Amino acid sequence: AITETLGTLTVTTNATAAVKLIAADAEKVYDGSALTKTDGVTWEGLPTGFTVEASSTGSQTDAGESANVVNDGYVIKDGNGVDQTANFTNVTKVPGTLKVTKAPVTITTGDAEKEYDGTALTNAEAGITGLVNGETATVTATGSQTEVGSSTNTYSIDWGTTDSNNYAITETLGTLTVTTNATAAVKLIAAD
């Protein structure tokens, strides 16, 4: 007679395997629209052949950074495509980073030169290039040079509703130059 003593095979949830679901990073230069990255979630700590179906959520419009977070509802599948999510209980979701960098703009003012005549030399030429998404700003030249010498044609800027924090400014500023007056005749008359 054969007597069988059969053992029991038990599969339990894997609480020791540390599984990480990692949301993707994304970066762009400010353009006035939202930066999002819903795909590209990667993973670590799963057995060979396992895959993950997951998405992430995040949004960054202005220059700066924010988190891109792995959504709930991810699915861990074995090599045969069978859902094994319930068998992994030590799952950590690692956020990615959404980064919007400042858009470059250039502010320019004009040059001017004249001989000294006792009045202020100015040049109202001023502008800004590189604003995006229909945004506007008003640049006004404010430089002034009266005495012989030179100075930068400075400016003031009114950003209006445009957020200046979304822009990296490069300045190309003109020079105002007053030279000695070589053409005006000056007659000195001795007193009696």
Protein backbone atom coordinates (compact mmCIF):
# COMPACT_ATOMS: atom_id res chain seq x y z
CA ALA A 1 0.00 0.00 0.00
CA ILE A 2 1.14 3.51 -0.83
CA THR A 3 0.71 6.16 1.73
CA GLU A 4 0.87 9.74 0.54
CA THR A 5 1.88 12.63 2.69
CA LEU A 6 1.31 15.58 0.45
CA GLY A 7 2.63 19.02 1.26
CA THR A 8 0.84 22.25 0.61
CA LEU A 9 2.21 24.89 -1.75
CA THR A 10 1.25 28.36 -0.69
CA VAL A 11 1.80 31.55 -2.67
CA THR A 12 1.49 34.72 -0.62
CA THR A 13 1.59 38.34 -1.62
CA ASN A 14 5.08 39.68 -2.10
CA ALA A 15 5.41 42.24 0.68
CA THR A 16 9.20 42.19 0.68
CA ALA A 17 9.96 43.06 -2.94
CA ALA A 18 10.28 46.82 -3.08
CA VAL A 19 8.68 47.90 -6.34
CA LYS A 20 9.12 51.47 -7.52
CA LEU A 21 6.93 53.09 -10.14
CA ILE A 22 8.74 56.18 -11.42
CA ALA A 23 6.96 58.99 -13.23
CA ALA A 24 8.80 60.56 -16.16
CA ASP A 25 10.51 63.96 -16.11
CA ALA A 26 9.89 66.56 -18.80
CA GLU A 27 11.30 69.99 -19.58
CA LYS A 28 10.64 72.81 -22.03
CA VAL A 29 11.15 76.54 -22.52
CA TYR A 30 8.19 78.72 -21.49
CA ASP A 31 5.70 79.13 -24.33
CA GLY A 32 2.50 79.97 -22.44
CA SER A 33 1.05 76.45 -22.66
CA ALA A 34 1.01 73.73 -20.03
CA LEU A 35 3.75 71.09 -19.91
CA THR A 36 2.34 67.63 -19.13
CA LYS A 37 3.80 64.12 -19.35
CA THR A 38 1.27 61.32 -18.89
CA ASP A 39 3.32 58.46 -20.35
CA GLY A 40 6.81 57.13 -19.71
CA VAL A 41 6.28 55.61 -16.24
CA THR A 42 9.15 53.18 -15.56
CA TRP A 43 9.62 50.59 -12.82
CA GLU A 44 12.21 48.87 -10.68
CA GLY A 45 12.06 45.75 -8.52
CA LEU A 46 9.75 43.51 -10.54
CA PRO A 47 10.69 40.00 -11.67
CA THR A 48 12.09 39.63 -15.20
CA GLY A 49 9.37 39.72 -17.85
CA PHE A 50 6.89 41.68 -15.73
CA THR A 51 5.52 44.95 -17.08
CA VAL A 52 3.52 47.86 -15.75
CA GLU A 53 0.68 49.80 -17.31
CA ALA A 54 0.62 53.20 -15.63
CA SER A 55 0.14 56.87 -16.32
CA SER A 56 1.08 60.06 -14.53
CA THR A 57 -0.48 63.46 -13.93
CA GLY A 58 1.09 66.86 -13.55
CA SER A 59 1.06 70.27 -15.17
CA GLN A 60 3.48 73.22 -15.22
CA THR A 61 2.76 76.33 -17.28
CA ASP A 62 4.92 79.12 -15.82
CA ALA A 63 8.68 78.98 -15.40
CA GLY A 64 9.46 76.72 -12.45
CA GLU A 65 9.07 73.09 -11.40
CA SER A 66 6.30 70.84 -10.13
CA ALA A 67 5.70 67.14 -9.52
CA ASN A 68 4.56 64.64 -12.13
CA VAL A 69 2.78 61.98 -10.03
CA VAL A 70 2.09 58.30 -10.85
CA ASN A 71 -1.68 57.79 -10.90
CA ASP A 72 -3.50 55.15 -8.89
CA GLY A 73 -4.96 52.37 -11.02
CA TYR A 74 -1.64 51.04 -12.33
CA VAL A 75 -1.55 47.38 -13.40
CA ILE A 76 1.41 45.00 -12.89
CA LYS A 77 1.39 42.12 -15.40
CA ASP A 78 3.43 38.96 -15.57
CA GLY A 79 5.15 37.74 -18.75
CA ASN A 80 1.86 36.20 -19.96
CA GLY A 81 0.00 39.50 -19.59
CA VAL A 82 -1.95 38.35 -16.51
CA ASP A 83 -2.72 41.01 -13.90
CA GLN A 84 -0.57 40.35 -10.83
CA THR A 85 -1.03 43.75 -9.14
CA ALA A 86 -2.65 42.27 -6.01
CA ASN A 87 0.47 40.15 -5.39
CA PHE A 88 2.73 43.17 -4.83
CA THR A 89 1.96 45.20 -1.73
CA ASN A 90 5.25 47.11 -1.26
CA VAL A 91 4.85 49.55 -4.16
CA THR A 92 6.26 53.07 -3.95
CA LYS A 93 5.27 55.76 -6.43
CA VAL A 94 8.16 58.14 -7.19
CA PRO A 95 7.19 61.49 -8.75
CA GLY A 96 8.98 62.92 -11.75
CA THR A 97 9.65 66.61 -12.31
CA LEU A 98 8.03 68.92 -14.83
CA LYS A 99 10.32 71.88 -15.47
CA VAL A 100 9.61 75.00 -17.50
CA THR A 101 12.61 77.26 -18.09
CA LYS A 102 12.46 80.97 -18.79
CA ALA A 103 12.04 82.07 -22.39
CA PRO A 104 14.78 84.40 -23.65
CA VAL A 105 13.89 88.01 -24.49
CA THR A 106 16.09 90.85 -25.66
CA ILE A 107 15.53 94.47 -24.68
CA THR A 108 17.16 97.08 -26.91
CA THR A 109 17.53 100.86 -26.80
CA GLY A 110 18.98 103.17 -29.42
CA ASP A 111 22.28 105.04 -29.73
CA ALA A 112 22.66 108.78 -30.30
CA GLU A 113 25.49 111.29 -30.51
CA LYS A 114 25.74 115.07 -30.75
CA GLU A 115 28.00 117.97 -29.97
CA TYR A 116 27.48 119.72 -26.66
CA ASP A 117 24.77 122.39 -26.81
CA GLY A 118 23.56 122.48 -23.20
CA THR A 119 20.41 120.40 -23.84
CA ALA A 120 19.80 116.79 -22.99
CA LEU A 121 20.50 114.12 -25.62
CA THR A 122 17.90 111.33 -25.67
CA ASN A 123 16.82 108.59 -28.06
CA ALA A 124 13.30 107.18 -27.63
CA GLU A 125 14.07 104.04 -29.67
CA ALA A 126 13.34 101.02 -27.44
CA GLY A 127 11.86 97.56 -27.85
CA ILE A 128 11.59 93.98 -26.70
CA THR A 129 11.75 90.82 -28.80
CA GLY A 130 11.09 87.20 -27.87
CA LEU A 131 7.79 87.46 -25.99
CA VAL A 132 5.64 84.38 -26.65
CA ASN A 133 1.98 83.44 -26.84
CA GLY A 134 0.85 86.94 -27.82
CA GLU A 135 2.15 88.44 -24.57
CA THR A 136 3.20 92.09 -24.59
CA ALA A 137 5.32 94.50 -22.59
CA THR A 138 6.08 98.18 -23.12
CA VAL A 139 9.69 99.35 -23.06
CA THR A 140 10.43 103.08 -22.77
CA ALA A 141 13.91 104.53 -23.22
CA THR A 142 14.81 106.74 -20.24
CA GLY A 143 18.47 107.56 -20.84
CA SER A 144 19.69 111.16 -20.96
CA GLN A 145 23.12 112.78 -21.44
CA THR A 146 23.64 116.55 -21.23
CA GLU A 147 27.31 117.07 -20.38
CA VAL A 148 30.28 115.97 -22.51
CA GLY A 149 30.69 112.21 -22.05
CA SER A 150 28.58 109.12 -22.59
CA SER A 151 26.06 106.98 -20.73
CA THR A 152 23.82 103.99 -21.32
CA ASN A 153 20.41 104.65 -22.82
CA THR A 154 18.52 103.10 -19.89
CA TYR A 155 14.90 101.97 -19.97
CA SER A 156 11.81 101.27 -17.93
CA ILE A 157 9.45 98.40 -18.66
CA ASP A 158 5.75 97.92 -18.03
CA TRP A 159 5.00 94.21 -18.10
CA GLY A 160 1.22 94.76 -18.01
CA THR A 161 -0.41 91.34 -17.53
CA THR A 162 2.73 89.49 -18.72
CA ASP A 163 4.56 87.64 -15.94
CA SER A 164 8.18 88.81 -16.09
CA ASN A 165 9.26 85.71 -14.12
CA ASN A 166 8.73 83.64 -17.30
CA TYR A 167 11.48 85.50 -19.15
CA ALA A 168 15.29 85.66 -19.03
CA ILE A 169 16.29 89.16 -20.14
CA THR A 170 19.31 90.00 -22.27
CA GLU A 171 19.97 93.72 -22.72
CA THR A 172 21.41 95.36 -25.83
CA LEU A 173 21.41 98.97 -24.69
CA GLY A 174 22.48 101.94 -26.75
CA THR A 175 24.95 104.63 -25.78
CA LEU A 176 24.22 108.35 -25.62
CA THR A 177 27.36 110.38 -26.38
CA VAL A 178 27.87 114.15 -26.11
CA THR A 179 31.13 115.39 -27.65
CA THR A 180 32.91 118.69 -27.20
CA ASN A 181 31.50 121.43 -29.38
CA ALA A 182 34.03 122.10 -32.15
CA THR A 183 31.72 124.07 -34.42
CA ALA A 184 30.27 126.79 -32.22
CA ALA A 185 32.34 129.93 -32.32
CA VAL A 186 32.95 131.45 -28.92
CA LYS A 187 34.07 135.07 -28.85
CA LEU A 188 35.73 136.27 -25.69
CA ILE A 189 35.62 140.02 -25.19
CA ALA A 190 37.90 141.61 -22.68
CA ALA A 191 36.26 144.01 -20.27
CA ASP A 192 37.34 147.65 -20.39
